[in-house]
Amino acid sequence: MSDPLFSDPKPGGVFQLGGDLPIHRMGFGAMRLLGPGAFGPLKDTQEVFRVLRRALELGVNFIDTSDAYGPHLNEEQIAEALHPYPAGLVIATKGGLVRPNKDEWPQDGRPEHLKEACEGSLKRLRVDCIDLYQFHRPDPKVPFADSVGAIAELRAEGKIRHVGLSNVSTAQLAEAQAIVPIATVQNRYNLTDRSSEDVLKACEAQGVGFMPWGPISQGKHDKLEAVLTEAASTRGAVKPGQMILAWLLAHSPVMLPIPGTSKIAHLEENMAAAELELQPDEMAAIGEAAGK
């Protein structure tokens, strides 16, 4: 490909998001470029910009954010650091949560709110059309179909290219697909929390991208830590967190990890995980140690 972002394809491979947006499977979650609780700025704003630019240098061409991160600030950071965007860069954002303070994430799935939120994201990201717009979390106070229908209308208006869902069940995925094509699902998923395995399998069957949030989280799990450390040690400078990311990539062809960080060194470690190839016995040992 002539696109500069594909001059050095990563071993993690390329996924066709929505069938027409080729992205490297290891993306970048921008949420950690903010203060505690994803609320307010970090002290070193220039480091934020350096991390975003370094991500592109390492082959990242898929960045995930939300209007709730900051709030609003994360989208502004991305635009400040990277606009005008290079060809091939795909930016995903979300709507449906509000942030009255750093400790609360209340839902607001009203159609009027989602449409207003999308307009705000368009302005902050400095784009005419958002590549991937995700419904951040179903709102129990609003019929799910009404929320998804509002996003479908935004897509019909050309303000959204593809629609994604976050924190949904298989039933909600099916309900949404009856309204509008769904390109991705973003649910919590990691080695020790695979409660969304059924959603992942549904995504696999339909070619829908699955973005695991909290991908490296494992809590206190001594047996798993020991297995990961041993497997990593056979590869020299590899760290357990990199083994986890490599496991996720190998676990499913639709898996699209988006690990986040505010440090360049950690970013480089995460991206290097896409180059690791785990053997079947390693995959089995890690999965078994996690208790699944």
C-alpha atoms as a PDB file:
ATOM      1  CA  MET A   1       0.000   0.000   0.000  1.00  0.00           C
ATOM      2  CA  SER A   2       1.175   3.506  -0.693  1.00  0.00           C
ATOM      3  CA  ASP A   3      -0.336   4.929   2.488  1.00  0.00           C
ATOM      4  CA  PRO A   4       2.559   5.901   4.806  1.00  0.00           C
ATOM      5  CA  LEU A   5       0.777   4.375   7.790  1.00  0.00           C
ATOM      6  CA  PHE A   6       1.021   0.996   6.076  1.00  0.00           C
ATOM      7  CA  SER A   7       4.670   1.217   5.021  1.00  0.00           C
ATOM      8  CA  ASP A   8       5.600  -1.230   7.817  1.00  0.00           C
ATOM      9  CA  PRO A   9       2.603  -3.473   8.505  1.00  0.00           C
ATOM     10  CA  LYS A  10       2.681  -5.005  11.982  1.00  0.00           C
ATOM     11  CA  PRO A  11       2.542  -8.773  12.517  1.00  0.00           C
ATOM     12  CA  GLY A  12      -0.704  -8.266  14.446  1.00  0.00           C
ATOM     13  CA  GLY A  13      -2.262  -7.900  11.029  1.00  0.00           C
ATOM     14  CA  VAL A  14      -4.816  -5.618   9.461  1.00  0.00           C
ATOM     15  CA  PHE A  15      -8.570  -5.629  10.117  1.00  0.00           C
ATOM     16  CA  GLN A  16     -11.125  -4.159   7.724  1.00  0.00           C
ATOM     17  CA  LEU A  17     -13.253  -2.054  10.056  1.00  0.00           C
ATOM     18  CA  GLY A  18     -16.747  -1.820   8.664  1.00  0.00           C
ATOM     19  CA  GLY A  19     -15.471  -3.571   5.578  1.00  0.00           C
ATOM     20  CA  ASP A  20     -13.743  -0.489   4.158  1.00  0.00           C
ATOM     21  CA  LEU A  21     -11.353   0.994   6.743  1.00  0.00           C
ATOM     22  CA  PRO A  22      -8.113  -1.020   7.031  1.00  0.00           C
ATOM     23  CA  ILE A  23      -6.629  -0.642  10.497  1.00  0.00           C
ATOM     24  CA  HIS A  24      -3.740  -2.263  12.312  1.00  0.00           C
ATOM     25  CA  ARG A  25      -5.225  -4.548  14.934  1.00  0.00           C
ATOM     26  CA  MET A  26      -3.197  -2.986  17.753  1.00  0.00           C
ATOM     27  CA  GLY A  27      -4.704   0.439  18.272  1.00  0.00           C
ATOM     28  CA  PHE A  28      -4.324   3.136  20.913  1.00  0.00           C
ATOM     29  CA  GLY A  29      -6.798   4.102  23.625  1.00  0.00           C
ATOM     30  CA  ALA A  30      -6.329   7.782  24.391  1.00  0.00           C
ATOM     31  CA  MET A  31      -8.184   7.810  27.725  1.00  0.00           C
ATOM     32  CA  ARG A  32      -5.003   7.667  29.824  1.00  0.00           C
ATOM     33  CA  LEU A  33      -3.770  10.981  28.424  1.00  0.00           C
ATOM     34  CA  LEU A  34      -5.858  12.651  31.131  1.00  0.00           C
ATOM     35  CA  GLY A  35      -5.786  13.103  34.884  1.00  0.00           C
ATOM     36  CA  PRO A  36      -7.139  10.609  37.450  1.00  0.00           C
ATOM     37  CA  GLY A  37     -10.521   9.198  36.514  1.00  0.00           C
ATOM     38  CA  ALA A  38     -10.042  10.454  32.955  1.00  0.00           C
ATOM     39  CA  PHE A  39     -11.020  13.859  34.261  1.00  0.00           C
ATOM     40  CA  GLY A  40      -9.037  17.022  33.564  1.00  0.00           C
ATOM     41  CA  PRO A  41      -5.571  17.351  32.033  1.00  0.00           C
ATOM     42  CA  LEU A  42      -2.229  15.812  32.856  1.00  0.00           C
ATOM     43  CA  LYS A  43       0.438  18.258  34.024  1.00  0.00           C
ATOM     44  CA  ASP A  44       2.725  17.649  31.043  1.00  0.00           C
ATOM     45  CA  THR A  45       0.593  18.559  28.037  1.00  0.00           C
ATOM     46  CA  GLN A  46       3.525  18.370  25.650  1.00  0.00           C
ATOM     47  CA  GLU A  47       4.129  14.735  26.611  1.00  0.00           C
ATOM     48  CA  VAL A  48       0.519  14.034  25.662  1.00  0.00           C
ATOM     49  CA  PHE A  49       1.190  15.319  22.166  1.00  0.00           C
ATOM     50  CA  ARG A  50       4.473  13.399  21.950  1.00  0.00           C
ATOM     51  CA  VAL A  51       2.744  10.139  22.878  1.00  0.00           C
ATOM     52  CA  LEU A  52       0.058  10.606  20.234  1.00  0.00           C
ATOM     53  CA  ARG A  53       2.597  11.417  17.528  1.00  0.00           C
ATOM     54  CA  ARG A  54       4.841   8.533  18.554  1.00  0.00           C
ATOM     55  CA  ALA A  55       1.883   6.161  18.318  1.00  0.00           C
ATOM     56  CA  LEU A  56       1.540   6.986  14.627  1.00  0.00           C
ATOM     57  CA  GLU A  57       5.270   6.549  14.106  1.00  0.00           C
ATOM     58  CA  LEU A  58       4.948   3.038  15.555  1.00  0.00           C
ATOM     59  CA  GLY A  59       2.264   2.096  13.052  1.00  0.00           C
ATOM     60  CA  VAL A  60      -0.901   2.891  14.998  1.00  0.00           C
ATOM     61  CA  ASN A  61      -3.669   4.069  12.685  1.00  0.00           C
ATOM     62  CA  PHE A  62      -6.649   3.505  14.973  1.00  0.00           C
ATOM     63  CA  ILE A  63      -7.258   5.766  17.993  1.00  0.00           C
ATOM     64  CA  ASP A  64     -10.168   5.424  20.418  1.00  0.00           C
ATOM     65  CA  THR A  65     -11.578   8.225  22.553  1.00  0.00           C
ATOM     66  CA  SER A  66     -14.892   9.559  23.912  1.00  0.00           C
ATOM     67  CA  ASP A  67     -16.536  12.867  24.632  1.00  0.00           C
ATOM     68  CA  ALA A  68     -16.730  11.678  28.261  1.00  0.00           C
ATOM     69  CA  TYR A  69     -12.945  11.594  28.583  1.00  0.00           C
ATOM     70  CA  GLY A  70     -11.934  14.920  30.022  1.00  0.00           C
ATOM     71  CA  PRO A  71     -14.802  15.573  29.493  1.00  0.00           C
ATOM     72  CA  HIS A  72     -14.262  16.728  25.889  1.00  0.00           C
ATOM     73  CA  LEU A  73     -10.555  17.351  26.475  1.00  0.00           C
ATOM     74  CA  ASN A  74      -9.343  14.026  25.048  1.00  0.00           C
ATOM     75  CA  GLU A  75     -10.876  14.755  21.650  1.00  0.00           C
ATOM     76  CA  GLU A  76      -9.305  18.220  21.696  1.00  0.00           C
ATOM     77  CA  GLN A  77      -5.897  16.711  22.543  1.00  0.00           C
ATOM     78  CA  ILE A  78      -6.071  14.387  19.550  1.00  0.00           C
ATOM     79  CA  ALA A  79      -6.952  17.211  17.194  1.00  0.00           C
ATOM     80  CA  GLU A  80      -4.283  19.517  18.631  1.00  0.00           C
ATOM     81  CA  ALA A  81      -1.585  16.860  18.247  1.00  0.00           C
ATOM     82  CA  LEU A  82      -2.515  15.267  14.930  1.00  0.00           C
ATOM     83  CA  HIS A  83      -4.719  17.559  12.825  1.00  0.00           C
ATOM     84  CA  PRO A  84      -4.561  17.758   9.847  1.00  0.00           C
ATOM     85  CA  TYR A  85      -4.825  13.989  10.069  1.00  0.00           C
ATOM     86  CA  PRO A  86      -2.656  11.786   7.851  1.00  0.00           C
ATOM     87  CA  ALA A  87      -4.407   9.633   5.281  1.00  0.00           C
ATOM     88  CA  GLY A  88      -5.388   6.284   6.718  1.00  0.00           C
ATOM     89  CA  LEU A  89      -5.798   7.406  10.335  1.00  0.00           C
ATOM     90  CA  VAL A  90      -9.100   6.184  11.817  1.00  0.00           C
ATOM     91  CA  ILE A  91     -10.446   7.957  14.891  1.00  0.00           C
ATOM     92  CA  ALA A  92     -13.252   6.439  16.946  1.00  0.00           C
ATOM     93  CA  THR A  93     -15.176   8.314  19.596  1.00  0.00           C
ATOM     94  CA  LYS A  94     -18.248   7.686  21.743  1.00  0.00           C
ATOM     95  CA  GLY A  95     -21.322   9.413  23.095  1.00  0.00           C
ATOM     96  CA  GLY A  96     -23.896   8.542  25.729  1.00  0.00           C
ATOM     97  CA  LEU A  97     -22.141   9.291  29.030  1.00  0.00           C
ATOM     98  CA  VAL A  98     -21.773  12.597  30.854  1.00  0.00           C
ATOM     99  CA  ARG A  99     -19.249  13.649  33.500  1.00  0.00           C
ATOM    100  CA  PRO A 100     -20.507  15.900  36.297  1.00  0.00           C
ATOM    101  CA  ASN A 101     -17.297  15.070  38.211  1.00  0.00           C
ATOM    102  CA  LYS A 102     -14.366  12.648  38.095  1.00  0.00           C
ATOM    103  CA  ASP A 103     -16.197   9.932  40.050  1.00  0.00           C
ATOM    104  CA  GLU A 104     -19.462   9.726  38.130  1.00  0.00           C
ATOM    105  CA  TRP A 105     -20.271   8.405  34.644  1.00  0.00           C
ATOM    106  CA  PRO A 106     -24.083   8.680  34.330  1.00  0.00           C
ATOM    107  CA  GLN A 107     -25.704   7.528  31.093  1.00  0.00           C
ATOM    108  CA  ASP A 108     -27.656   9.794  28.784  1.00  0.00           C
ATOM    109  CA  GLY A 109     -28.979   7.856  25.817  1.00  0.00           C
ATOM    110  CA  ARG A 110     -31.689  10.322  24.829  1.00  0.00           C
ATOM    111  CA  PRO A 111     -31.702  10.846  21.065  1.00  0.00           C
ATOM    112  CA  GLU A 112     -31.433  14.592  21.473  1.00  0.00           C
ATOM    113  CA  HIS A 113     -28.386  14.222  23.707  1.00  0.00           C
ATOM    114  CA  LEU A 114     -26.636  11.797  21.343  1.00  0.00           C
ATOM    115  CA  LYS A 115     -27.171  14.122  18.398  1.00  0.00           C
ATOM    116  CA  GLU A 116     -25.860  17.088  20.370  1.00  0.00           C
ATOM    117  CA  ALA A 117     -22.908  15.020  21.603  1.00  0.00           C
ATOM    118  CA  CYS A 118     -22.020  13.965  18.080  1.00  0.00           C
ATOM    119  CA  GLU A 119     -22.051  17.573  16.877  1.00  0.00           C
ATOM    120  CA  GLY A 120     -19.673  18.478  19.703  1.00  0.00           C
ATOM    121  CA  SER A 121     -17.314  15.639  18.805  1.00  0.00           C
ATOM    122  CA  LEU A 122     -17.288  16.692  15.162  1.00  0.00           C
ATOM    123  CA  LYS A 123     -16.194  20.185  16.159  1.00  0.00           C
ATOM    124  CA  ARG A 124     -13.571  19.084  18.693  1.00  0.00           C
ATOM    125  CA  LEU A 125     -12.039  16.493  16.368  1.00  0.00           C
ATOM    126  CA  ARG A 126     -12.190  18.997  13.470  1.00  0.00           C
ATOM    127  CA  VAL A 127     -13.825  16.571  11.052  1.00  0.00           C
ATOM    128  CA  ASP A 128     -16.950  16.563   8.907  1.00  0.00           C
ATOM    129  CA  CYS A 129     -17.579  12.851   9.442  1.00  0.00           C
ATOM    130  CA  ILE A 130     -16.577  10.619  12.370  1.00  0.00           C
ATOM    131  CA  ASP A 131     -15.026   7.332  11.214  1.00  0.00           C
ATOM    132  CA  LEU A 132     -16.554   5.274  14.047  1.00  0.00           C
ATOM    133  CA  TYR A 133     -19.124   6.594  16.509  1.00  0.00           C
ATOM    134  CA  GLN A 134     -19.945   4.316  19.423  1.00  0.00           C
ATOM    135  CA  PHE A 135     -22.877   4.315  21.825  1.00  0.00           C
ATOM    136  CA  HIS A 136     -20.947   4.361  25.099  1.00  0.00           C
ATOM    137  CA  ARG A 137     -23.392   2.492  27.340  1.00  0.00           C
ATOM    138  CA  PRO A 138     -27.110   1.639  27.123  1.00  0.00           C
ATOM    139  CA  ASP A 139     -29.260   3.940  29.217  1.00  0.00           C
ATOM    140  CA  PRO A 140     -31.895   2.052  31.243  1.00  0.00           C
ATOM    141  CA  LYS A 141     -34.102   5.148  31.177  1.00  0.00           C
ATOM    142  CA  VAL A 142     -34.255   5.234  27.372  1.00  0.00           C
ATOM    143  CA  PRO A 143     -35.374   2.473  24.995  1.00  0.00           C
ATOM    144  CA  PHE A 144     -32.219   1.006  23.459  1.00  0.00           C
ATOM    145  CA  ALA A 145     -33.729   1.158  19.977  1.00  0.00           C
ATOM    146  CA  ASP A 146     -34.363   4.887  20.349  1.00  0.00           C
ATOM    147  CA  SER A 147     -30.714   5.564  21.190  1.00  0.00           C
ATOM    148  CA  VAL A 148     -29.411   3.401  18.353  1.00  0.00           C
ATOM    149  CA  GLY A 149     -31.971   4.914  16.002  1.00  0.00           C
ATOM    150  CA  ALA A 150     -30.628   8.394  16.701  1.00  0.00           C
ATOM    151  CA  ILE A 151     -27.117   7.265  15.817  1.00  0.00           C
ATOM    152  CA  ALA A 152     -28.459   5.607  12.671  1.00  0.00           C
ATOM    153  CA  GLU A 153     -29.958   8.958  11.684  1.00  0.00           C
ATOM    154  CA  LEU A 154     -26.582  10.643  12.173  1.00  0.00           C
ATOM    155  CA  ARG A 155     -25.065   8.017   9.885  1.00  0.00           C
ATOM    156  CA  ALA A 156     -27.743   8.647   7.264  1.00  0.00           C
ATOM    157  CA  GLU A 157     -26.912  12.355   7.459  1.00  0.00           C
ATOM    158  CA  GLY A 158     -23.251  11.624   6.677  1.00  0.00           C
ATOM    159  CA  LYS A 159     -21.947  12.695  10.079  1.00  0.00           C
ATOM    160  CA  ILE A 160     -20.889   9.146  10.992  1.00  0.00           C
ATOM    161  CA  ARG A 161     -19.249   6.586   8.739  1.00  0.00           C
ATOM    162  CA  HIS A 162     -19.628   3.516  10.940  1.00  0.00           C
ATOM    163  CA  VAL A 163     -21.573   2.720  14.111  1.00  0.00           C
ATOM    164  CA  GLY A 164     -20.205   0.915  17.161  1.00  0.00           C
ATOM    165  CA  LEU A 165     -21.610  -0.228  20.483  1.00  0.00           C
ATOM    166  CA  SER A 166     -20.012  -0.436  23.907  1.00  0.00           C
ATOM    167  CA  ASN A 167     -20.948  -2.420  27.008  1.00  0.00           C
ATOM    168  CA  VAL A 168     -23.675  -4.464  25.342  1.00  0.00           C
ATOM    169  CA  SER A 169     -25.041  -8.000  25.397  1.00  0.00           C
ATOM    170  CA  THR A 170     -25.543 -10.321  22.437  1.00  0.00           C
ATOM    171  CA  ALA A 171     -29.260  -9.502  22.509  1.00  0.00           C
ATOM    172  CA  GLN A 172     -28.541  -5.778  22.323  1.00  0.00           C
ATOM    173  CA  LEU A 173     -26.068  -6.346  19.501  1.00  0.00           C
ATOM    174  CA  ALA A 174     -28.752  -8.201  17.536  1.00  0.00           C
ATOM    175  CA  GLU A 175     -31.345  -5.516  18.301  1.00  0.00           C
ATOM    176  CA  ALA A 176     -29.003  -2.782  17.081  1.00  0.00           C
ATOM    177  CA  GLN A 177     -28.119  -4.706  13.922  1.00  0.00           C
ATOM    178  CA  ALA A 178     -31.784  -4.755  12.984  1.00  0.00           C
ATOM    179  CA  ILE A 179     -31.616  -0.938  12.935  1.00  0.00           C
ATOM    180  CA  VAL A 180     -28.184  -0.116  11.486  1.00  0.00           C
ATOM    181  CA  PRO A 181     -25.024  -2.013  10.494  1.00  0.00           C
ATOM    182  CA  ILE A 182     -22.696  -2.412  13.480  1.00  0.00           C
ATOM    183  CA  ALA A 183     -18.955  -2.272  12.815  1.00  0.00           C
ATOM    184  CA  THR A 184     -17.538  -2.787  16.321  1.00  0.00           C
ATOM    185  CA  VAL A 185     -18.342  -3.692  19.895  1.00  0.00           C
ATOM    186  CA  GLN A 186     -16.263  -2.433  22.820  1.00  0.00           C
ATOM    187  CA  ASN A 187     -16.781  -4.444  26.015  1.00  0.00           C
ATOM    188  CA  ARG A 188     -14.641  -5.163  29.044  1.00  0.00           C
ATOM    189  CA  TYR A 189     -12.500  -8.205  28.263  1.00  0.00           C
ATOM    190  CA  ASN A 190      -9.218  -9.556  29.540  1.00  0.00           C
ATOM    191  CA  LEU A 191      -7.652 -12.839  30.606  1.00  0.00           C
ATOM    192  CA  THR A 192      -9.430 -12.980  33.964  1.00  0.00           C
ATOM    193  CA  ASP A 193     -12.719 -11.376  32.871  1.00  0.00           C
ATOM    194  CA  ARG A 194     -14.072 -13.098  29.798  1.00  0.00           C
ATOM    195  CA  SER A 195     -17.706 -12.582  30.655  1.00  0.00           C
ATOM    196  CA  SER A 196     -18.187 -11.111  27.174  1.00  0.00           C
ATOM    197  CA  GLU A 197     -16.931 -14.244  25.419  1.00  0.00           C
ATOM    198  CA  ASP A 198     -20.395 -14.808  23.950  1.00  0.00           C
ATOM    199  CA  VAL A 199     -20.370 -11.280  22.528  1.00  0.00           C
ATOM    200  CA  LEU A 200     -16.885 -11.868  21.111  1.00  0.00           C
ATOM    201  CA  LYS A 201     -18.060 -15.073  19.407  1.00  0.00           C
ATOM    202  CA  ALA A 202     -21.059 -13.257  17.929  1.00  0.00           C
ATOM    203  CA  CYS A 203     -18.691 -10.603  16.580  1.00  0.00           C
ATOM    204  CA  GLU A 204     -16.430 -13.284  15.101  1.00  0.00           C
ATOM    205  CA  ALA A 205     -19.347 -14.929  13.313  1.00  0.00           C
ATOM    206  CA  GLN A 206     -20.296 -11.625  11.687  1.00  0.00           C
ATOM    207  CA  GLY A 207     -16.926  -9.995  11.082  1.00  0.00           C
ATOM    208  CA  VAL A 208     -17.603  -7.291  13.673  1.00  0.00           C
ATOM    209  CA  GLY A 209     -14.519  -5.830  15.354  1.00  0.00           C
ATOM    210  CA  PHE A 210     -14.237  -6.425  19.112  1.00  0.00           C
ATOM    211  CA  MET A 211     -12.380  -3.796  21.160  1.00  0.00           C
ATOM    212  CA  PRO A 212     -11.535  -5.071  24.658  1.00  0.00           C
ATOM    213  CA  TRP A 213     -11.385  -2.360  27.284  1.00  0.00           C
ATOM    214  CA  GLY A 214      -9.274  -3.030  30.354  1.00  0.00           C
ATOM    215  CA  PRO A 215      -7.283  -5.518  28.245  1.00  0.00           C
ATOM    216  CA  ILE A 216      -4.257  -5.902  30.531  1.00  0.00           C
ATOM    217  CA  SER A 217      -6.156  -5.899  33.830  1.00  0.00           C
ATOM    218  CA  GLN A 218      -5.754  -9.174  35.721  1.00  0.00           C
ATOM    219  CA  GLY A 219      -6.143  -8.268  39.381  1.00  0.00           C
ATOM    220  CA  LYS A 220      -4.143 -10.301  41.916  1.00  0.00           C
ATOM    221  CA  HIS A 221      -3.693 -13.650  40.207  1.00  0.00           C
ATOM    222  CA  ASP A 222      -0.478 -15.308  41.337  1.00  0.00           C
ATOM    223  CA  LYS A 223      -0.707 -18.411  39.121  1.00  0.00           C
ATOM    224  CA  LEU A 224      -1.366 -16.383  35.983  1.00  0.00           C
ATOM    225  CA  GLU A 225       1.398 -13.919  36.852  1.00  0.00           C
ATOM    226  CA  ALA A 226       3.845 -16.799  37.248  1.00  0.00           C
ATOM    227  CA  VAL A 227       2.923 -18.341  33.891  1.00  0.00           C
ATOM    228  CA  LEU A 228       3.113 -15.000  32.099  1.00  0.00           C
ATOM    229  CA  THR A 229       6.457 -14.153  33.690  1.00  0.00           C
ATOM    230  CA  GLU A 230       7.919 -17.515  32.724  1.00  0.00           C
ATOM    231  CA  ALA A 231       6.655 -17.274  29.141  1.00  0.00           C
ATOM    232  CA  ALA A 232       7.963 -13.715  28.842  1.00  0.00           C
ATOM    233  CA  SER A 233      11.375 -14.632  30.272  1.00  0.00           C
ATOM    234  CA  THR A 234      12.012 -17.094  27.436  1.00  0.00           C
ATOM    235  CA  ARG A 235      11.878 -14.128  25.054  1.00  0.00           C
ATOM    236  CA  GLY A 236      14.431 -11.943  26.791  1.00  0.00           C
ATOM    237  CA  ALA A 237      13.191  -8.420  27.505  1.00  0.00           C
ATOM    238  CA  VAL A 238       9.508  -9.201  26.961  1.00  0.00           C
ATOM    239  CA  LYS A 239       7.165  -8.275  29.833  1.00  0.00           C
ATOM    240  CA  PRO A 240       4.020 -10.050  31.097  1.00  0.00           C
ATOM    241  CA  GLY A 241       1.762  -7.237  29.859  1.00  0.00           C
ATOM    242  CA  GLN A 242       3.078  -7.765  26.345  1.00  0.00           C
ATOM    243  CA  MET A 243       2.277 -11.467  26.597  1.00  0.00           C
ATOM    244  CA  ILE A 244      -1.298 -10.602  27.552  1.00  0.00           C
ATOM    245  CA  LEU A 245      -1.716  -8.367  24.508  1.00  0.00           C
ATOM    246  CA  ALA A 246      -0.197 -11.033  22.268  1.00  0.00           C
ATOM    247  CA  TRP A 247      -2.605 -13.589  23.747  1.00  0.00           C
ATOM    248  CA  LEU A 248      -5.578 -11.353  22.990  1.00  0.00           C
ATOM    249  CA  LEU A 249      -4.495 -10.848  19.374  1.00  0.00           C
ATOM    250  CA  ALA A 250      -4.069 -14.598  18.909  1.00  0.00           C
ATOM    251  CA  HIS A 251      -7.323 -15.462  20.686  1.00  0.00           C
ATOM    252  CA  SER A 252      -9.597 -13.998  18.016  1.00  0.00           C
ATOM    253  CA  PRO A 253      -9.135 -12.565  14.512  1.00  0.00           C
ATOM    254  CA  VAL A 254     -11.605  -9.764  15.279  1.00  0.00           C
ATOM    255  CA  MET A 255      -9.862  -8.720  18.509  1.00  0.00           C
ATOM    256  CA  LEU A 256      -8.718  -5.082  18.342  1.00  0.00           C
ATOM    257  CA  PRO A 257      -6.786  -4.220  21.528  1.00  0.00           C
ATOM    258  CA  ILE A 258      -6.517  -0.509  22.310  1.00  0.00           C
ATOM    259  CA  PRO A 259      -4.083  -0.323  25.257  1.00  0.00           C
ATOM    260  CA  GLY A 260      -3.538   3.173  26.563  1.00  0.00           C
ATOM    261  CA  THR A 261      -0.695   4.938  28.319  1.00  0.00           C
ATOM    262  CA  SER A 262       0.715   8.408  28.920  1.00  0.00           C
ATOM    263  CA  LYS A 263       4.356   7.309  28.616  1.00  0.00           C
ATOM    264  CA  ILE A 264       6.287   6.770  25.378  1.00  0.00           C
ATOM    265  CA  ALA A 265       8.317   3.866  26.782  1.00  0.00           C
ATOM    266  CA  HIS A 266       5.137   2.033  27.807  1.00  0.00           C
ATOM    267  CA  LEU A 267       3.572   2.811  24.442  1.00  0.00           C
ATOM    268  CA  GLU A 268       6.549   1.256  22.673  1.00  0.00           C
ATOM    269  CA  GLU A 269       6.246  -1.858  24.844  1.00  0.00           C
ATOM    270  CA  ASN A 270       2.558  -2.215  24.040  1.00  0.00           C
ATOM    271  CA  MET A 271       3.067  -1.823  20.318  1.00  0.00           C
ATOM    272  CA  ALA A 272       5.926  -4.336  20.320  1.00  0.00           C
ATOM    273  CA  ALA A 273       3.470  -6.952  21.602  1.00  0.00           C
ATOM    274  CA  ALA A 274       1.980  -7.100  18.096  1.00  0.00           C
ATOM    275  CA  GLU A 275       5.221  -8.702  16.957  1.00  0.00           C
ATOM    276  CA  LEU A 276       5.005 -11.617  19.396  1.00  0.00           C
ATOM    277  CA  GLU A 277       3.787 -14.942  18.103  1.00  0.00           C
ATOM    278  CA  LEU A 278       2.566 -17.290  20.811  1.00  0.00           C
ATOM    279  CA  GLN A 279       2.688 -21.048  20.328  1.00  0.00           C
ATOM    280  CA  PRO A 280      -0.432 -23.178  20.883  1.00  0.00           C
ATOM    281  CA  ASP A 281       0.957 -24.622  24.114  1.00  0.00           C
ATOM    282  CA  GLU A 282       1.632 -21.108  25.422  1.00  0.00           C
ATOM    283  CA  MET A 283      -1.868 -19.996  24.517  1.00  0.00           C
ATOM    284  CA  ALA A 284      -3.323 -22.988  26.348  1.00  0.00           C
ATOM    285  CA  ALA A 285      -1.109 -22.567  29.424  1.00  0.00           C
ATOM    286  CA  ILE A 286      -1.927 -18.869  29.781  1.00  0.00           C
ATOM    287  CA  GLY A 287      -5.647 -19.455  29.293  1.00  0.00           C
ATOM    288  CA  GLU A 288      -5.660 -22.316  31.816  1.00  0.00           C
ATOM    289  CA  ALA A 289      -3.717 -20.291  34.377  1.00  0.00           C
ATOM    290  CA  ALA A 290      -6.322 -17.546  34.101  1.00  0.00           C
ATOM    291  CA  GLY A 291      -8.914 -20.072  35.183  1.00  0.00           C
ATOM    292  CA  LYS A 292     -10.802 -20.402  31.890  1.00  0.00           C
END
